[in-house]
C-alpha atoms as a PDB file:
ATOM      1  CA  UNK A   1       0.000   0.000   0.000  1.00  0.00           C
ATOM      2  CA  UNK A   2       2.993   2.303   0.468  1.00  0.00           C
ATOM      3  CA  UNK A   3       3.586   2.798  -3.253  1.00  0.00           C
ATOM      4  CA  UNK A   4      -0.100   3.492  -3.868  1.00  0.00           C
ATOM      5  CA  UNK A   5      -0.076   6.057  -1.045  1.00  0.00           C
ATOM      6  CA  UNK A   6       2.930   7.838  -2.505  1.00  0.00           C
ATOM      7  CA  UNK A   7       1.279   7.934  -5.927  1.00  0.00           C
ATOM      8  CA  UNK A   8      -1.879   9.360  -4.348  1.00  0.00           C
ATOM      9  CA  UNK A   9       0.172  11.899  -2.370  1.00  0.00           C
ATOM     10  CA  UNK A  10       1.972  13.027  -5.536  1.00  0.00           C
ATOM     11  CA  UNK A  11      -1.366  13.574  -7.284  1.00  0.00           C
ATOM     12  CA  UNK A  12      -2.888  15.481  -4.344  1.00  0.00           C
ATOM     13  CA  UNK A  13       0.203  17.661  -3.873  1.00  0.00           C
ATOM     14  CA  UNK A  14       0.276  18.437  -7.614  1.00  0.00           C
ATOM     15  CA  UNK A  15      -3.394  19.431  -7.606  1.00  0.00           C
ATOM     16  CA  UNK A  16      -2.912  21.519  -4.452  1.00  0.00           C
ATOM     17  CA  UNK A  17       0.042  23.370  -5.918  1.00  0.00           C
ATOM     18  CA  UNK A  18      -1.850  23.983  -9.168  1.00  0.00           C
ATOM     19  CA  UNK A  19      -4.755  25.422  -7.173  1.00  0.00           C
ATOM     20  CA  UNK A  20      -2.398  27.683  -5.214  1.00  0.00           C
ATOM     21  CA  UNK A  21      -0.708  28.952  -8.391  1.00  0.00           C
ATOM     22  CA  UNK A  22      -3.999  29.394 -10.261  1.00  0.00           C
ATOM     23  CA  UNK A  23      -5.758  31.268  -7.455  1.00  0.00           C
ATOM     24  CA  UNK A  24      -2.795  33.505  -6.641  1.00  0.00           C
ATOM     25  CA  UNK A  25      -4.390  36.372  -8.548  1.00  0.00           C
ATOM     26  CA  UNK A  26      -7.844  35.919  -6.970  1.00  0.00           C
ATOM     27  CA  UNK A  27      -8.789  38.432  -4.279  1.00  0.00           C
ATOM     28  CA  UNK A  28      -8.736  36.842  -0.823  1.00  0.00           C
ATOM     29  CA  UNK A  29     -10.900  39.474   0.851  1.00  0.00           C
ATOM     30  CA  UNK A  30     -10.658  40.303   4.530  1.00  0.00           C
ATOM     31  CA  UNK A  31     -12.803  40.397   7.645  1.00  0.00           C
ATOM     32  CA  UNK A  32     -14.228  43.866   6.864  1.00  0.00           C
ATOM     33  CA  UNK A  33     -15.591  43.196   3.370  1.00  0.00           C
ATOM     34  CA  UNK A  34     -15.968  39.414   3.545  1.00  0.00           C
ATOM     35  CA  UNK A  35     -14.054  36.583   2.009  1.00  0.00           C
ATOM     36  CA  UNK A  36     -13.161  36.801  -1.657  1.00  0.00           C
ATOM     37  CA  UNK A  37     -13.246  34.108  -4.335  1.00  0.00           C
ATOM     38  CA  UNK A  38      -9.625  33.134  -3.589  1.00  0.00           C
ATOM     39  CA  UNK A  39     -10.228  32.296   0.056  1.00  0.00           C
ATOM     40  CA  UNK A  40     -11.884  28.873  -0.200  1.00  0.00           C
ATOM     41  CA  UNK A  41      -9.568  27.357  -2.848  1.00  0.00           C
ATOM     42  CA  UNK A  42      -6.442  28.489  -0.984  1.00  0.00           C
ATOM     43  CA  UNK A  43      -7.684  27.155   2.365  1.00  0.00           C
ATOM     44  CA  UNK A  44      -8.714  23.871   0.721  1.00  0.00           C
ATOM     45  CA  UNK A  45      -5.323  23.494  -0.996  1.00  0.00           C
ATOM     46  CA  UNK A  46      -3.516  24.172   2.289  1.00  0.00           C
ATOM     47  CA  UNK A  47      -5.629  21.563   4.089  1.00  0.00           C
ATOM     48  CA  UNK A  48      -4.901  19.057   1.292  1.00  0.00           C
ATOM     49  CA  UNK A  49      -1.164  19.715   1.620  1.00  0.00           C
ATOM     50  CA  UNK A  50      -1.340  19.254   5.392  1.00  0.00           C
ATOM     51  CA  UNK A  51      -3.267  16.000   5.092  1.00  0.00           C
ATOM     52  CA  UNK A  52      -0.769  14.798   2.477  1.00  0.00           C
ATOM     53  CA  UNK A  53       2.028  15.413   4.962  1.00  0.00           C
ATOM     54  CA  UNK A  54       0.168  13.350   7.567  1.00  0.00           C
ATOM     55  CA  UNK A  55      -0.318  10.541   5.042  1.00  0.00           C
ATOM     56  CA  UNK A  56       3.406  10.606   4.223  1.00  0.00           C
ATOM     57  CA  UNK A  57       4.232  10.211   7.923  1.00  0.00           C
ATOM     58  CA  UNK A  58       1.693   7.403   8.345  1.00  0.00           C
ATOM     59  CA  UNK A  59       2.925   5.607   5.204  1.00  0.00           C
ATOM     60  CA  UNK A  60       6.545   5.747   6.322  1.00  0.00           C
ATOM     61  CA  UNK A  61       5.645   4.390   9.763  1.00  0.00           C
ATOM     62  CA  UNK A  62       3.541   1.476   8.468  1.00  0.00           C
ATOM     63  CA  UNK A  63       4.994  -1.974   7.887  1.00  0.00           C
ATOM     64  CA  UNK A  64       2.797  -2.927   4.896  1.00  0.00           C
ATOM     65  CA  UNK A  65       4.840  -2.394   1.730  1.00  0.00           C
ATOM     66  CA  UNK A  66       2.527  -4.093  -0.787  1.00  0.00           C
ATOM     67  CA  UNK A  67       1.556  -2.174  -3.889  1.00  0.00           C
ATOM     68  CA  UNK A  68      -2.225  -2.355  -3.579  1.00  0.00           C
ATOM     69  CA  UNK A  69      -4.193  -4.014  -0.819  1.00  0.00           C
ATOM     70  CA  UNK A  70      -7.738  -3.979  -2.170  1.00  0.00           C
ATOM     71  CA  UNK A  71     -10.105  -6.088  -4.218  1.00  0.00           C
ATOM     72  CA  UNK A  72     -12.311  -5.095  -7.143  1.00  0.00           C
ATOM     73  CA  UNK A  73     -15.357  -4.744  -4.890  1.00  0.00           C
ATOM     74  CA  UNK A  74     -13.607  -1.882  -3.098  1.00  0.00           C
ATOM     75  CA  UNK A  75     -13.457   0.043  -6.390  1.00  0.00           C
ATOM     76  CA  UNK A  76     -17.246   0.028  -6.851  1.00  0.00           C
ATOM     77  CA  UNK A  77     -18.039   3.192  -4.895  1.00  0.00           C
ATOM     78  CA  UNK A  78     -15.117   5.278  -6.215  1.00  0.00           C
ATOM     79  CA  UNK A  79     -16.168   4.305  -9.743  1.00  0.00           C
ATOM     80  CA  UNK A  80     -19.751   5.371  -8.989  1.00  0.00           C
ATOM     81  CA  UNK A  81     -18.508   8.714  -7.635  1.00  0.00           C
ATOM     82  CA  UNK A  82     -16.306   9.385 -10.654  1.00  0.00           C
ATOM     83  CA  UNK A  83     -19.213   8.606 -12.977  1.00  0.00           C
ATOM     84  CA  UNK A  84     -21.540  10.890 -11.013  1.00  0.00           C
ATOM     85  CA  UNK A  85     -18.995  13.722 -11.087  1.00  0.00           C
ATOM     86  CA  UNK A  86     -18.709  13.427 -14.859  1.00  0.00           C
ATOM     87  CA  UNK A  87     -22.506  13.505 -15.194  1.00  0.00           C
ATOM     88  CA  UNK A  88     -22.672  16.460 -12.773  1.00  0.00           C
ATOM     89  CA  UNK A  89     -20.124  18.477 -14.732  1.00  0.00           C
ATOM     90  CA  UNK A  90     -22.150  17.955 -17.913  1.00  0.00           C
ATOM     91  CA  UNK A  91     -25.507  18.711 -16.242  1.00  0.00           C
ATOM     92  CA  UNK A  92     -24.285  21.845 -14.481  1.00  0.00           C
ATOM     93  CA  UNK A  93     -24.328  24.099 -17.543  1.00  0.00           C
ATOM     94  CA  UNK A  94     -27.672  22.893 -18.870  1.00  0.00           C
ATOM     95  CA  UNK A  95     -29.716  22.327 -15.747  1.00  0.00           C
ATOM     96  CA  UNK A  96     -28.090  24.880 -13.458  1.00  0.00           C
ATOM     97  CA  UNK A  97     -26.369  24.710 -10.100  1.00  0.00           C
ATOM     98  CA  UNK A  98     -29.308  24.212  -7.784  1.00  0.00           C
ATOM     99  CA  UNK A  99     -31.196  21.423  -9.557  1.00  0.00           C
ATOM    100  CA  UNK A 100     -28.140  19.492 -10.757  1.00  0.00           C
ATOM    101  CA  UNK A 101     -26.508  19.632  -7.304  1.00  0.00           C
ATOM    102  CA  UNK A 102     -29.669  18.412  -5.570  1.00  0.00           C
ATOM    103  CA  UNK A 103     -30.017  15.602  -8.118  1.00  0.00           C
ATOM    104  CA  UNK A 104     -26.406  14.429  -7.897  1.00  0.00           C
ATOM    105  CA  UNK A 105     -26.283  14.609  -4.098  1.00  0.00           C
ATOM    106  CA  UNK A 106     -29.534  12.643  -3.872  1.00  0.00           C
ATOM    107  CA  UNK A 107     -28.339   9.954  -6.278  1.00  0.00           C
ATOM    108  CA  UNK A 108     -25.003   9.735  -4.459  1.00  0.00           C
ATOM    109  CA  UNK A 109     -26.671   9.268  -1.085  1.00  0.00           C
ATOM    110  CA  UNK A 110     -29.057   6.660  -2.498  1.00  0.00           C
ATOM    111  CA  UNK A 111     -26.047   4.805  -3.944  1.00  0.00           C
ATOM    112  CA  UNK A 112     -24.648   4.736  -0.413  1.00  0.00           C
ATOM    113  CA  UNK A 113     -27.892   3.270   0.987  1.00  0.00           C
ATOM    114  CA  UNK A 114     -29.582   6.413   2.333  1.00  0.00           C
ATOM    115  CA  UNK A 115     -33.377   6.516   2.146  1.00  0.00           C
ATOM    116  CA  UNK A 116     -34.917   8.713  -0.560  1.00  0.00           C
ATOM    117  CA  UNK A 117     -36.733  11.225   1.663  1.00  0.00           C
ATOM    118  CA  UNK A 118     -33.737  11.686   3.946  1.00  0.00           C
ATOM    119  CA  UNK A 119     -31.355  12.094   1.008  1.00  0.00           C
ATOM    120  CA  UNK A 120     -33.661  14.663  -0.653  1.00  0.00           C
ATOM    121  CA  UNK A 121     -33.890  16.741   2.523  1.00  0.00           C
ATOM    122  CA  UNK A 122     -30.132  16.638   3.104  1.00  0.00           C
ATOM    123  CA  UNK A 123     -29.438  17.434  -0.561  1.00  0.00           C
ATOM    124  CA  UNK A 124     -31.705  20.480  -0.586  1.00  0.00           C
ATOM    125  CA  UNK A 125     -30.228  21.812   2.673  1.00  0.00           C
ATOM    126  CA  UNK A 126     -26.620  21.296   1.551  1.00  0.00           C
ATOM    127  CA  UNK A 127     -27.310  22.852  -1.859  1.00  0.00           C
ATOM    128  CA  UNK A 128     -29.023  25.842  -0.258  1.00  0.00           C
ATOM    129  CA  UNK A 129     -26.056  26.353   2.077  1.00  0.00           C
ATOM    130  CA  UNK A 130     -23.626  26.112  -0.840  1.00  0.00           C
ATOM    131  CA  UNK A 131     -25.725  28.569  -2.828  1.00  0.00           C
ATOM    132  CA  UNK A 132     -25.800  31.084   0.018  1.00  0.00           C
ATOM    133  CA  UNK A 133     -22.090  30.627   0.719  1.00  0.00           C
ATOM    134  CA  UNK A 134     -20.856  30.997  -2.827  1.00  0.00           C
ATOM    135  CA  UNK A 135     -23.474  33.169  -4.555  1.00  0.00           C
ATOM    136  CA  UNK A 136     -24.464  35.533  -1.769  1.00  0.00           C
ATOM    137  CA  UNK A 137     -21.469  35.626   0.590  1.00  0.00           C
ATOM    138  CA  UNK A 138     -18.519  35.095  -1.752  1.00  0.00           C
ATOM    139  CA  UNK A 139     -20.307  36.621  -4.779  1.00  0.00           C
ATOM    140  CA  UNK A 140     -19.181  33.747  -7.043  1.00  0.00           C
ATOM    141  CA  UNK A 141     -21.377  33.387 -10.123  1.00  0.00           C
ATOM    142  CA  UNK A 142     -22.969  29.946 -10.351  1.00  0.00           C
ATOM    143  CA  UNK A 143     -24.352  28.274 -13.494  1.00  0.00           C
ATOM    144  CA  UNK A 144     -28.006  29.215 -13.800  1.00  0.00           C
ATOM    145  CA  UNK A 145     -29.264  26.808 -16.434  1.00  0.00           C
ATOM    146  CA  UNK A 146     -33.051  26.627 -16.742  1.00  0.00           C
ATOM    147  CA  UNK A 147     -33.766  26.885 -13.006  1.00  0.00           C
ATOM    148  CA  UNK A 148     -31.804  29.831 -11.630  1.00  0.00           C
END
């Protein structure tokens, strides 16, 4: 598992550094005017770098040196998530942020054995919070599609 962890760490660190370089020109904002569009990506990239460091330490300390320690059944849920993210990225422009996010979150929770009513309620609440956070607080334009 050590080699797989180091491959994963390399990918995460690369993505984090790309995010930091890309968002360098974005305004961060401050406590008087609110957070800018650069705040969330930078904080997320920093957290990813910190967690990568922890994974490096854990990988070095572990005794298991096998390449991969999983079976094909373990790949089912990651494959479902990747497929749903691809569908979501396509739907986002046409259907809009609110409806496509509610739909994808609901389908994801159902795939992970959550009941329909509970997953719908959670999806609507999470999507509403994301909408308020990004659209109203951070003033980030979201895809409107046919709904918004």
